PDB file of N, CA and C in Angstrom:
ATOM      1  N   MET A   1      17.053  -3.234   6.919  1.00  0.00           N
ATOM      2  CA  MET A   1      15.718  -3.138   7.351  1.00  0.00           C
ATOM      3  C   MET A   1      14.942  -4.354   6.635  1.00  0.00           C
ATOM      4  N   LYS A   2      15.552  -4.999   5.924  1.00  0.00           N
ATOM      5  CA  LYS A   2      14.814  -6.224   5.280  1.00  0.00           C
ATOM      6  C   LYS A   2      14.321  -7.182   6.195  1.00  0.00           C
ATOM      7  N   ALA A   3      14.892  -7.264   7.405  1.00  0.00           N
ATOM      8  CA  ALA A   3      14.524  -8.124   8.422  1.00  0.00           C
ATOM      9  C   ALA A   3      13.327  -7.643   9.065  1.00  0.00           C
ATOM     10  N   HIS A   4      12.864  -6.440   8.931  1.00  0.00           N
ATOM     11  CA  HIS A   4      11.693  -6.083   9.606  1.00  0.00           C
ATOM     12  C   HIS A   4      10.533  -5.684   8.581  1.00  0.00           C
ATOM     13  N   PHE A   5      10.788  -5.907   7.457  1.00  0.00           N
ATOM     14  CA  PHE A   5       9.704  -5.656   6.391  1.00  0.00           C
ATOM     15  C   PHE A   5       9.838  -6.686   5.221  1.00  0.00           C
ATOM     16  N   SER A   6       8.522  -6.816   4.710  1.00  0.00           N
ATOM     17  CA  SER A   6       8.394  -7.733   3.549  1.00  0.00           C
ATOM     18  C   SER A   6       7.797  -7.136   2.517  1.00  0.00           C
ATOM     19  N   PHE A   7       8.014  -7.524   1.311  1.00  0.00           N
ATOM     20  CA  PHE A   7       7.474  -6.683   0.178  1.00  0.00           C
ATOM     21  C   PHE A   7       6.074  -7.463  -0.007  1.00  0.00           C
ATOM     22  N   ASP A   8       5.037  -6.800  -0.197  1.00  0.00           N
ATOM     23  CA  ASP A   8       3.580  -7.226  -0.396  1.00  0.00           C
ATOM     24  C   ASP A   8       3.497  -6.865  -2.002  1.00  0.00           C
ATOM     25  N   HIS A   9       3.261  -8.078  -2.661  1.00  0.00           N
ATOM     26  CA  HIS A   9       3.301  -7.831  -4.220  1.00  0.00           C
ATOM     27  C   HIS A   9       2.034  -7.329  -4.579  1.00  0.00           C
ATOM     28  N   ARG A  10       0.777  -7.673  -3.888  1.00  0.00           N
ATOM     29  CA  ARG A  10      -0.428  -7.155  -4.093  1.00  0.00           C
ATOM     30  C   ARG A  10      -0.580  -5.715  -3.989  1.00  0.00           C
ATOM     31  N   LEU A  11      -0.001  -4.998  -2.915  1.00  0.00           N
ATOM     32  CA  LEU A  11      -0.014  -3.640  -2.536  1.00  0.00           C
ATOM     33  C   LEU A  11       1.175  -2.865  -3.277  1.00  0.00           C
ATOM     34  N   GLY A  12       2.180  -3.611  -3.567  1.00  0.00           N
ATOM     35  CA  GLY A  12       3.379  -2.999  -4.198  1.00  0.00           C
ATOM     36  C   GLY A  12       4.226  -2.152  -3.475  1.00  0.00           C
ATOM     37  N   ILE A  13       4.101  -2.335  -2.048  1.00  0.00           N
ATOM     38  CA  ILE A  13       5.020  -1.632  -1.042  1.00  0.00           C
ATOM     39  C   ILE A  13       5.563  -2.587  -0.138  1.00  0.00           C
ATOM     40  N   GLU A  14       6.607  -2.348   0.599  1.00  0.00           N
ATOM     41  CA  GLU A  14       6.986  -3.154   1.790  1.00  0.00           C
ATOM     42  C   GLU A  14       6.025  -2.793   2.905  1.00  0.00           C
ATOM     43  N   ILE A  15       5.806  -3.757   3.862  1.00  0.00           N
ATOM     44  CA  ILE A  15       4.928  -3.597   5.054  1.00  0.00           C
ATOM     45  C   ILE A  15       5.771  -4.244   6.172  1.00  0.00           C
ATOM     46  N   PRO A  16       5.539  -3.651   7.348  1.00  0.00           N
ATOM     47  CA  PRO A  16       6.004  -4.046   8.420  1.00  0.00           C
ATOM     48  C   PRO A  16       5.950  -5.568   8.701  1.00  0.00           C
ATOM     49  N   ASP A  17       7.001  -6.369   9.038  1.00  0.00           N
ATOM     50  CA  ASP A  17       6.920  -7.876   9.247  1.00  0.00           C
ATOM     51  C   ASP A  17       7.755  -8.059  10.626  1.00  0.00           C
ATOM     52  N   LEU A  18       7.325  -7.477  11.659  1.00  0.00           N
ATOM     53  CA  LEU A  18       8.205  -7.793  12.858  1.00  0.00           C
ATOM     54  C   LEU A  18       8.083  -9.208  13.464  1.00  0.00           C
ATOM     55  N   ALA A  19       9.227  -9.737  13.762  1.00  0.00           N
ATOM     56  CA  ALA A  19       9.417 -11.013  14.545  1.00  0.00           C
ATOM     57  C   ALA A  19       9.165 -10.938  15.929  1.00  0.00           C
ATOM     58  N   ALA A  20       9.290  -9.819  16.537  1.00  0.00           N
ATOM     59  CA  ALA A  20       9.251  -9.683  17.976  1.00  0.00           C
ATOM     60  C   ALA A  20       8.228  -8.533  18.451  1.00  0.00           C
ATOM     61  N   GLU A  21       7.835  -8.616  19.716  1.00  0.00           N
ATOM     62  CA  GLU A  21       6.965  -7.334  20.216  1.00  0.00           C
ATOM     63  C   GLU A  21       7.769  -6.133  20.052  1.00  0.00           C
ATOM     64  N   TRP A  22       7.220  -5.043  19.668  1.00  0.00           N
ATOM     65  CA  TRP A  22       7.794  -3.670  19.564  1.00  0.00           C
ATOM     66  C   TRP A  22       8.537  -3.319  20.672  1.00  0.00           C
ATOM     67  N   GLU A  23       8.279  -3.645  21.971  1.00  0.00           N
ATOM     68  CA  GLU A  23       9.107  -3.327  23.014  1.00  0.00           C
ATOM     69  C   GLU A  23      10.389  -4.137  23.290  1.00  0.00           C
ATOM     70  N   GLU A  24      10.454  -5.160  22.568  1.00  0.00           N
ATOM     71  CA  GLU A  24      11.804  -6.059  22.477  1.00  0.00           C
ATOM     72  C   GLU A  24      12.763  -5.407  21.631  1.00  0.00           C
ATOM     73  N   TYR A  25      12.451  -4.617  20.908  1.00  0.00           N
ATOM     74  CA  TYR A  25      13.520  -3.889  20.013  1.00  0.00           C
ATOM     75  C   TYR A  25      14.112  -2.888  20.798  1.00  0.00           C
ATOM     76  N   SER A  26      15.426  -2.588  20.435  1.00  0.00           N
ATOM     77  CA  SER A  26      16.291  -1.511  21.178  1.00  0.00           C
ATOM     78  C   SER A  26      15.672  -0.324  20.579  1.00  0.00           C
ATOM     79  N   LYS A  27      15.941   0.799  21.299  1.00  0.00           N
ATOM     80  CA  LYS A  27      15.484   2.179  20.857  1.00  0.00           C
ATOM     81  C   LYS A  27      15.870   2.470  19.428  1.00  0.00           C
ATOM     82  N   LYS A  28      17.208   2.067  19.366  1.00  0.00           N
ATOM     83  CA  LYS A  28      17.899   2.329  17.943  1.00  0.00           C
ATOM     84  C   LYS A  28      17.256   1.817  16.944  1.00  0.00           C
ATOM     85  N   THR A  29      16.951   0.413  17.127  1.00  0.00           N
ATOM     86  CA  THR A  29      16.167  -0.409  16.072  1.00  0.00           C
ATOM     87  C   THR A  29      14.849   0.134  15.868  1.00  0.00           C
ATOM     88  N   GLN A  30      14.089   0.429  16.923  1.00  0.00           N
ATOM     89  CA  GLN A  30      12.834   1.227  16.805  1.00  0.00           C
ATOM     90  C   GLN A  30      12.818   2.256  15.945  1.00  0.00           C
ATOM     91  N   GLU A  31      13.836   3.049  16.203  1.00  0.00           N
ATOM     92  CA  GLU A  31      14.022   4.417  15.315  1.00  0.00           C
ATOM     93  C   GLU A  31      14.184   4.229  13.960  1.00  0.00           C
ATOM     94  N   GLU A  32      15.230   3.135  13.652  1.00  0.00           N
ATOM     95  CA  GLU A  32      15.507   2.837  12.292  1.00  0.00           C
ATOM     96  C   GLU A  32      14.086   2.263  11.568  1.00  0.00           C
ATOM     97  N   ILE A  33      13.454   1.385  12.304  1.00  0.00           N
ATOM     98  CA  ILE A  33      12.203   0.897  11.708  1.00  0.00           C
ATOM     99  C   ILE A  33      11.251   1.884  11.432  1.00  0.00           C
ATOM    100  N   LEU A  34      11.020   2.923  12.373  1.00  0.00           N
ATOM    101  CA  LEU A  34      10.037   3.965  12.100  1.00  0.00           C
ATOM    102  C   LEU A  34      10.489   4.979  10.902  1.00  0.00           C
ATOM    103  N   LEU A  35      11.722   5.192  10.852  1.00  0.00           N
ATOM    104  CA  LEU A  35      12.374   6.067   9.734  1.00  0.00           C
ATOM    105  C   LEU A  35      12.094   5.381   8.606  1.00  0.00           C
ATOM    106  N   HIS A  36      12.393   4.047   8.441  1.00  0.00           N
ATOM    107  CA  HIS A  36      12.240   3.229   7.085  1.00  0.00           C
ATOM    108  C   HIS A  36      10.742   3.216   6.824  1.00  0.00           C
ATOM    109  N   TRP A  37       9.830   3.281   7.763  1.00  0.00           N
ATOM    110  CA  TRP A  37       8.308   3.114   7.580  1.00  0.00           C
ATOM    111  C   TRP A  37       7.980   4.384   7.075  1.00  0.00           C
ATOM    112  N   GLU A  38       8.384   5.460   7.612  1.00  0.00           N
ATOM    113  CA  GLU A  38       7.946   6.843   7.169  1.00  0.00           C
ATOM    114  C   GLU A  38       8.358   7.072   5.717  1.00  0.00           C
ATOM    115  N   GLN A  39       9.514   6.474   5.323  1.00  0.00           N
ATOM    116  CA  GLN A  39       9.850   6.569   3.700  1.00  0.00           C
ATOM    117  C   GLN A  39       8.876   5.875   3.051  1.00  0.00           C
ATOM    118  N   ILE A  40       8.567   4.516   3.335  1.00  0.00           N
ATOM    119  CA  ILE A  40       7.488   3.891   2.752  1.00  0.00           C
ATOM    120  C   ILE A  40       6.186   4.531   2.511  1.00  0.00           C
ATOM    121  N   ARG A  41       5.820   4.912   3.848  1.00  0.00           N
ATOM    122  CA  ARG A  41       4.483   5.531   4.083  1.00  0.00           C
ATOM    123  C   ARG A  41       4.357   6.890   3.130  1.00  0.00           C
ATOM    124  N   GLY A  42       5.488   7.585   2.929  1.00  0.00           N
ATOM    125  CA  GLY A  42       5.414   8.718   2.194  1.00  0.00           C
ATOM    126  C   GLY A  42       5.200   8.429   0.700  1.00  0.00           C
ATOM    127  N   SER A  43       5.641   6.989   0.251  1.00  0.00           N
ATOM    128  CA  SER A  43       5.374   6.590  -1.215  1.00  0.00           C
ATOM    129  C   SER A  43       3.977   6.177  -1.452  1.00  0.00           C
ATOM    130  N   ILE A  44       3.260   5.953  -0.274  1.00  0.00           N
ATOM    131  CA  ILE A  44       1.797   5.354  -0.519  1.00  0.00           C
ATOM    132  C   ILE A  44       0.956   6.287  -1.480  1.00  0.00           C
ATOM    133  N   PRO A  45       0.897   7.673  -1.267  1.00  0.00           N
ATOM    134  CA  PRO A  45       0.006   8.367  -2.109  1.00  0.00           C
ATOM    135  C   PRO A  45       0.514   8.237  -3.598  1.00  0.00           C
ATOM    136  N   ASP A  46       1.680   8.153  -3.859  1.00  0.00           N
ATOM    137  CA  ASP A  46       2.140   7.947  -5.340  1.00  0.00           C
ATOM    138  C   ASP A  46       1.713   6.557  -5.835  1.00  0.00           C
ATOM    139  N   ARG A  47       1.845   5.556  -5.048  1.00  0.00           N
ATOM    140  CA  ARG A  47       1.323   4.254  -5.371  1.00  0.00           C
ATOM    141  C   ARG A  47      -0.095   4.471  -5.752  1.00  0.00           C
ATOM    142  N   ILE A  48      -0.799   5.017  -4.939  1.00  0.00           N
ATOM    143  CA  ILE A  48      -2.436   5.078  -5.089  1.00  0.00           C
ATOM    144  C   ILE A  48      -2.581   5.792  -6.515  1.00  0.00           C
ATOM    145  N   ALA A  49      -2.001   6.897  -6.743  1.00  0.00           N
ATOM    146  CA  ALA A  49      -2.134   7.622  -7.889  1.00  0.00           C
ATOM    147  C   ALA A  49      -1.886   6.728  -9.178  1.00  0.00           C
ATOM    148  N   GLU A  50      -0.757   5.803  -9.031  1.00  0.00           N
ATOM    149  CA  GLU A  50      -0.557   4.894 -10.113  1.00  0.00           C
ATOM    150  C   GLU A  50      -1.780   3.923 -10.349  1.00  0.00           C
ATOM    151  N   LEU A  51      -2.371   3.579  -9.361  1.00  0.00           N
ATOM    152  CA  LEU A  51      -3.423   2.533  -9.295  1.00  0.00           C
ATOM    153  C   LEU A  51      -4.785   3.263  -9.875  1.00  0.00           C
ATOM    154  N   GLU A  52      -4.889   4.498  -9.394  1.00  0.00           N
ATOM    155  CA  GLU A  52      -6.056   5.383  -9.950  1.00  0.00           C
ATOM    156  C   GLU A  52      -5.821   5.438 -11.582  1.00  0.00           C
ATOM    157  N   LYS A  53      -4.700   5.672 -11.982  1.00  0.00           N
ATOM    158  CA  LYS A  53      -4.532   5.914 -13.343  1.00  0.00           C
ATOM    159  C   LYS A  53      -4.846   4.531 -14.188  1.00  0.00           C
ATOM    160  N   GLU A  54      -4.534   3.419 -13.561  1.00  0.00           N
ATOM    161  CA  GLU A  54      -4.694   2.248 -14.131  1.00  0.00           C
ATOM    162  C   GLU A  54      -6.415   2.109 -14.078  1.00  0.00           C
ATOM    163  N   ILE A  55      -7.008   2.289 -13.114  1.00  0.00           N
ATOM    164  CA  ILE A  55      -8.399   2.375 -13.092  1.00  0.00           C
ATOM    165  C   ILE A  55      -8.982   3.141 -14.175  1.00  0.00           C
ATOM    166  N   ASN A  56      -8.645   4.388 -14.247  1.00  0.00           N
ATOM    167  CA  ASN A  56      -9.208   5.174 -15.293  1.00  0.00           C
ATOM    168  C   ASN A  56      -8.976   4.629 -16.826  1.00  0.00           C
ATOM    169  N   GLN A  57      -7.834   3.915 -16.960  1.00  0.00           N
ATOM    170  CA  GLN A  57      -7.617   3.255 -18.291  1.00  0.00           C
ATOM    171  C   GLN A  57      -8.483   2.202 -18.445  1.00  0.00           C
ATOM    172  N   LYS A  58      -8.780   1.393 -17.483  1.00  0.00           N
ATOM    173  CA  LYS A  58      -9.711   0.248 -17.534  1.00  0.00           C
ATOM    174  C   LYS A  58     -11.263   0.828 -17.630  1.00  0.00           C
ATOM    175  N   GLN A  59     -11.400   1.826 -17.080  1.00  0.00           N
ATOM    176  CA  GLN A  59     -12.809   2.437 -17.162  1.00  0.00           C
ATOM    177  C   GLN A  59     -13.093   2.769 -18.686  1.00  0.00           C
ATOM    178  N   ALA A  60     -12.097   3.521 -19.032  1.00  0.00           N
ATOM    179  CA  ALA A  60     -12.119   3.947 -20.630  1.00  0.00           C
ATOM    180  C   ALA A  60     -12.253   2.732 -21.572  1.00  0.00           C
ATOM    181  N   GLN A  61     -11.577   1.641 -21.298  1.00  0.00           N
ATOM    182  CA  GLN A  61     -11.649   0.373 -22.054  1.00  0.00           C
ATOM    183  C   GLN A  61     -13.155  -0.019 -21.981  1.00  0.00           C
ATOM    184  N   LEU A  62     -13.729  -0.022 -20.654  1.00  0.00           N
ATOM    185  CA  LEU A  62     -14.897  -0.603 -20.195  1.00  0.00           C
ATOM    186  C   LEU A  62     -16.066   0.207 -21.134  1.00  0.00           C
ATOM    187  N   SER A  63     -15.877   1.391 -21.124  1.00  0.00           N
ATOM    188  CA  SER A  63     -16.863   2.233 -21.865  1.00  0.00           C
ATOM    189  C   SER A  63     -17.018   1.966 -23.410  1.00  0.00           C
ATOM    190  N   ASN A  64     -15.965   1.392 -23.937  1.00  0.00           N
ATOM    191  CA  ASN A  64     -15.961   1.130 -25.259  1.00  0.00           C
ATOM    192  C   ASN A  64     -16.063  -0.541 -25.646  1.00  0.00           C
ATOM    193  N   GLU A  65     -16.247  -1.171 -24.566  1.00  0.00           N
ATOM    194  CA  GLU A  65     -16.309  -2.656 -24.786  1.00  0.00           C
ATOM    195  C   GLU A  65     -17.641  -3.341 -25.018  1.00  0.00           C
ATOM    196  N   ASN A  66     -17.870  -3.976 -26.000  1.00  0.00           N
ATOM    197  CA  ASN A  66     -18.890  -4.706 -26.292  1.00  0.00           C
ATOM    198  C   ASN A  66     -19.097  -6.045 -25.885  1.00  0.00           C
ATOM    199  N   ASP A  67     -18.154  -6.786 -25.688  1.00  0.00           N
ATOM    200  CA  ASP A  67     -17.925  -8.081 -25.295  1.00  0.00           C
ATOM    201  C   ASP A  67     -18.281  -8.194 -23.896  1.00  0.00           C
ATOM    202  N   PHE A  68     -19.545  -8.978 -23.436  1.00  0.00           N
ATOM    203  CA  PHE A  68     -19.929  -8.978 -22.054  1.00  0.00           C
ATOM    204  C   PHE A  68     -18.882  -9.563 -21.216  1.00  0.00           C
ATOM    205  N   LEU A  69     -18.134 -10.679 -21.483  1.00  0.00           N
ATOM    206  CA  LEU A  69     -17.329 -11.385 -20.783  1.00  0.00           C
ATOM    207  C   LEU A  69     -15.935 -10.482 -20.510  1.00  0.00           C
ATOM    208  N   ARG A  70     -15.536  -9.726 -21.502  1.00  0.00           N
ATOM    209  CA  ARG A  70     -14.474  -8.856 -21.278  1.00  0.00           C
ATOM    210  C   ARG A  70     -14.883  -7.695 -20.446  1.00  0.00           C
ATOM    211  N   SER A  71     -16.197  -7.328 -20.430  1.00  0.00           N
ATOM    212  CA  SER A  71     -16.704  -6.310 -19.664  1.00  0.00           C
ATOM    213  C   SER A  71     -16.701  -6.592 -18.040  1.00  0.00           C
ATOM    214  N   CYS A  72     -17.014  -8.004 -18.148  1.00  0.00           N
ATOM    215  CA  CYS A  72     -16.993  -8.451 -16.588  1.00  0.00           C
ATOM    216  C   CYS A  72     -15.513  -8.536 -16.178  1.00  0.00           C
ATOM    217  N   GLN A  73     -14.516  -8.896 -16.885  1.00  0.00           N
ATOM    218  CA  GLN A  73     -13.273  -9.081 -16.449  1.00  0.00           C
ATOM    219  C   GLN A  73     -12.653  -7.678 -16.201  1.00  0.00           C
ATOM    220  N   LEU A  74     -13.126  -6.731 -16.856  1.00  0.00           N
ATOM    221  CA  LEU A  74     -12.493  -5.301 -16.724  1.00  0.00           C
ATOM    222  C   LEU A  74     -13.239  -4.782 -15.204  1.00  0.00           C
ATOM    223  N   ASN A  75     -14.451  -5.105 -15.027  1.00  0.00           N
ATOM    224  CA  ASN A  75     -15.127  -4.918 -13.917  1.00  0.00           C
ATOM    225  C   ASN A  75     -14.308  -5.504 -12.681  1.00  0.00           C
ATOM    226  N   THR A  76     -14.037  -6.789 -12.821  1.00  0.00           N
ATOM    227  CA  THR A  76     -13.359  -7.405 -11.696  1.00  0.00           C
ATOM    228  C   THR A  76     -11.803  -6.778 -11.547  1.00  0.00           C
ATOM    229  N   GLU A  77     -11.219  -6.437 -12.645  1.00  0.00           N
ATOM    230  CA  GLU A  77      -9.982  -5.857 -12.476  1.00  0.00           C
ATOM    231  C   GLU A  77     -10.023  -4.523 -11.696  1.00  0.00           C
ATOM    232  N   ILE A  78     -11.054  -3.633 -12.069  1.00  0.00           N
ATOM    233  CA  ILE A  78     -11.256  -2.332 -11.493  1.00  0.00           C
ATOM    234  C   ILE A  78     -11.561  -2.579 -10.073  1.00  0.00           C
ATOM    235  N   ALA A  79     -12.367  -3.541  -9.715  1.00  0.00           N
ATOM    236  CA  ALA A  79     -12.808  -3.747  -8.215  1.00  0.00           C
ATOM    237  C   ALA A  79     -11.418  -4.095  -7.384  1.00  0.00           C
ATOM    238  N   GLU A  80     -10.606  -5.030  -7.981  1.00  0.00           N
ATOM    239  CA  GLU A  80      -9.374  -5.408  -7.212  1.00  0.00           C
ATOM    240  C   GLU A  80      -8.489  -4.193  -7.001  1.00  0.00           C
ATOM    241  N   LEU A  81      -8.231  -3.368  -8.175  1.00  0.00           N
ATOM    242  CA  LEU A  81      -7.587  -2.193  -8.008  1.00  0.00           C
ATOM    243  C   LEU A  81      -7.953  -1.218  -6.926  1.00  0.00           C
ATOM    244  N   ALA A  82      -9.412  -1.098  -6.737  1.00  0.00           N
ATOM    245  CA  ALA A  82      -9.930  -0.216  -5.852  1.00  0.00           C
ATOM    246  C   ALA A  82      -9.859  -0.920  -4.329  1.00  0.00           C
ATOM    247  N   SER A  83      -9.718  -2.120  -4.430  1.00  0.00           N
ATOM    248  CA  SER A  83      -9.444  -2.687  -3.160  1.00  0.00           C
ATOM    249  C   SER A  83      -8.159  -2.640  -2.704  1.00  0.00           C
ATOM    250  N   ILE A  84      -7.144  -2.684  -3.506  1.00  0.00           N
ATOM    251  CA  ILE A  84      -5.739  -2.413  -3.214  1.00  0.00           C
ATOM    252  C   ILE A  84      -5.702  -1.028  -2.734  1.00  0.00           C
ATOM    253  N   ILE A  85      -6.372  -0.083  -3.412  1.00  0.00           N
ATOM    254  CA  ILE A  85      -6.231   1.266  -2.934  1.00  0.00           C
ATOM    255  C   ILE A  85      -6.823   1.299  -1.571  1.00  0.00           C
ATOM    256  N   ASN A  86      -7.862   0.825  -1.186  1.00  0.00           N
ATOM    257  CA  ASN A  86      -8.502   1.052   0.115  1.00  0.00           C
ATOM    258  C   ASN A  86      -7.479   0.378   1.037  1.00  0.00           C
ATOM    259  N   ASP A  87      -6.831  -0.703   0.845  1.00  0.00           N
ATOM    260  CA  ASP A  87      -5.872  -1.318   1.734  1.00  0.00           C
ATOM    261  C   ASP A  87      -4.733  -0.423   1.891  1.00  0.00           C
ATOM    262  N   LEU A  88      -4.220   0.131   0.843  1.00  0.00           N
ATOM    263  CA  LEU A  88      -3.061   1.140   0.948  1.00  0.00           C
ATOM    264  C   LEU A  88      -3.492   2.545   1.977  1.00  0.00           C
ATOM    265  N   TRP A  89      -4.730   2.868   1.770  1.00  0.00           N
ATOM    266  CA  TRP A  89      -4.983   3.988   2.603  1.00  0.00           C
ATOM    267  C   TRP A  89      -5.152   3.531   4.045  1.00  0.00           C
ATOM    268  N   ILE A  90      -5.588   2.273   4.344  1.00  0.00           N
ATOM    269  CA  ILE A  90      -5.677   1.680   5.606  1.00  0.00           C
ATOM    270  C   ILE A  90      -4.267   1.729   6.249  1.00  0.00           C
ATOM    271  N   TRP A  91      -3.357   1.346   5.460  1.00  0.00           N
ATOM    272  CA  TRP A  91      -1.850   1.252   6.019  1.00  0.00           C
ATOM    273  C   TRP A  91      -1.532   2.650   6.241  1.00  0.00           C
ATOM    274  N   TYR A  92      -1.791   3.425   5.272  1.00  0.00           N
ATOM    275  CA  TYR A  92      -1.210   4.872   5.356  1.00  0.00           C
ATOM    276  C   TYR A  92      -1.756   5.677   6.675  1.00  0.00           C
ATOM    277  N   ARG A  93      -3.119   5.430   6.883  1.00  0.00           N
ATOM    278  CA  ARG A  93      -3.766   6.073   8.087  1.00  0.00           C
ATOM    279  C   ARG A  93      -3.597   5.485   9.422  1.00  0.00           C
ATOM    280  N   ALA A  94      -3.329   4.001   9.420  1.00  0.00           N
ATOM    281  CA  ALA A  94      -3.514   3.152  10.600  1.00  0.00           C
ATOM    282  C   ALA A  94      -1.993   3.497  11.341  1.00  0.00           C
ATOM    283  N   ASN A  95      -1.047   3.682  10.452  1.00  0.00           N
ATOM    284  CA  ASN A  95       0.238   3.920  11.060  1.00  0.00           C
ATOM    285  C   ASN A  95       0.834   5.392  11.062  1.00  0.00           C
ATOM    286  N   GLN A  96      -0.190   6.243  10.847  1.00  0.00           N
ATOM    287  CA  GLN A  96       0.104   7.820  10.917  1.00  0.00           C
ATOM    288  C   GLN A  96       0.513   8.074  12.302  1.00  0.00           C
ATOM    289  N   THR A  97      -0.132   7.474  13.461  1.00  0.00           N
ATOM    290  CA  THR A  97       0.397   7.799  14.783  1.00  0.00           C
ATOM    291  C   THR A  97       1.611   7.189  15.004  1.00  0.00           C
ATOM    292  N   ILE A  98       1.849   6.029  14.666  1.00  0.00           N
ATOM    293  CA  ILE A  98       3.052   5.235  14.844  1.00  0.00           C
ATOM    294  C   ILE A  98       4.237   6.375  14.131  1.00  0.00           C
ATOM    295  N   SER A  99       3.949   6.763  12.902  1.00  0.00           N
ATOM    296  CA  SER A  99       4.951   7.589  12.367  1.00  0.00           C
ATOM    297  C   SER A  99       5.348   8.814  13.141  1.00  0.00           C
ATOM    298  N   GLY A 100       4.453   9.378  13.813  1.00  0.00           N
ATOM    299  CA  GLY A 100       4.609  10.443  14.537  1.00  0.00           C
ATOM    300  C   GLY A 100       5.574  10.287  15.634  1.00  0.00           C
ATOM    301  N   LYS A 101       5.960   9.037  15.978  1.00  0.00           N
ATOM    302  CA  LYS A 101       6.915   8.772  17.084  1.00  0.00           C
ATOM    303  C   LYS A 101       8.261   9.125  16.603  1.00  0.00           C
ATOM    304  N   VAL A 102       8.356   9.162  15.180  1.00  0.00           N
ATOM    305  CA  VAL A 102       9.800   9.423  14.641  1.00  0.00           C
ATOM    306  C   VAL A 102      10.310  10.732  14.976  1.00  0.00           C
ATOM    307  N   HIS A 103       9.307  11.692  15.117  1.00  0.00           N
ATOM    308  CA  HIS A 103       9.578  12.999  15.351  1.00  0.00           C
ATOM    309  C   HIS A 103       9.783  13.371  16.842  1.00  0.00           C
ATOM    310  N   HIS A 104       9.595  12.507  17.660  1.00  0.00           N
ATOM    311  CA  HIS A 104       9.758  12.748  19.142  1.00  0.00           C
ATOM    312  C   HIS A 104      10.858  12.273  19.823  1.00  0.00           C
TER     313      HIS A 104
END
């Protein structure tokens, strides 16, 4: 499946990276891709929980931080983690209908 997915370091998951149009793949390959995606998709809520834990830790640091520059850095890091979470939810929801094809 490596040929059909690439690891996104920012998101921390593999995402589809298809070299051809969906219809050009055989039914067997389509099924394999969908099954692999379903496994990845199932791990997204756990990945989000990890990132939320990081946000909570950074927010705790922020509440005790007196250095303005460090506070700005923590805010930037929190915003980036929140952005990653948002993108993960988009991947999770956008492909929900596609993942439903696995069961048909």
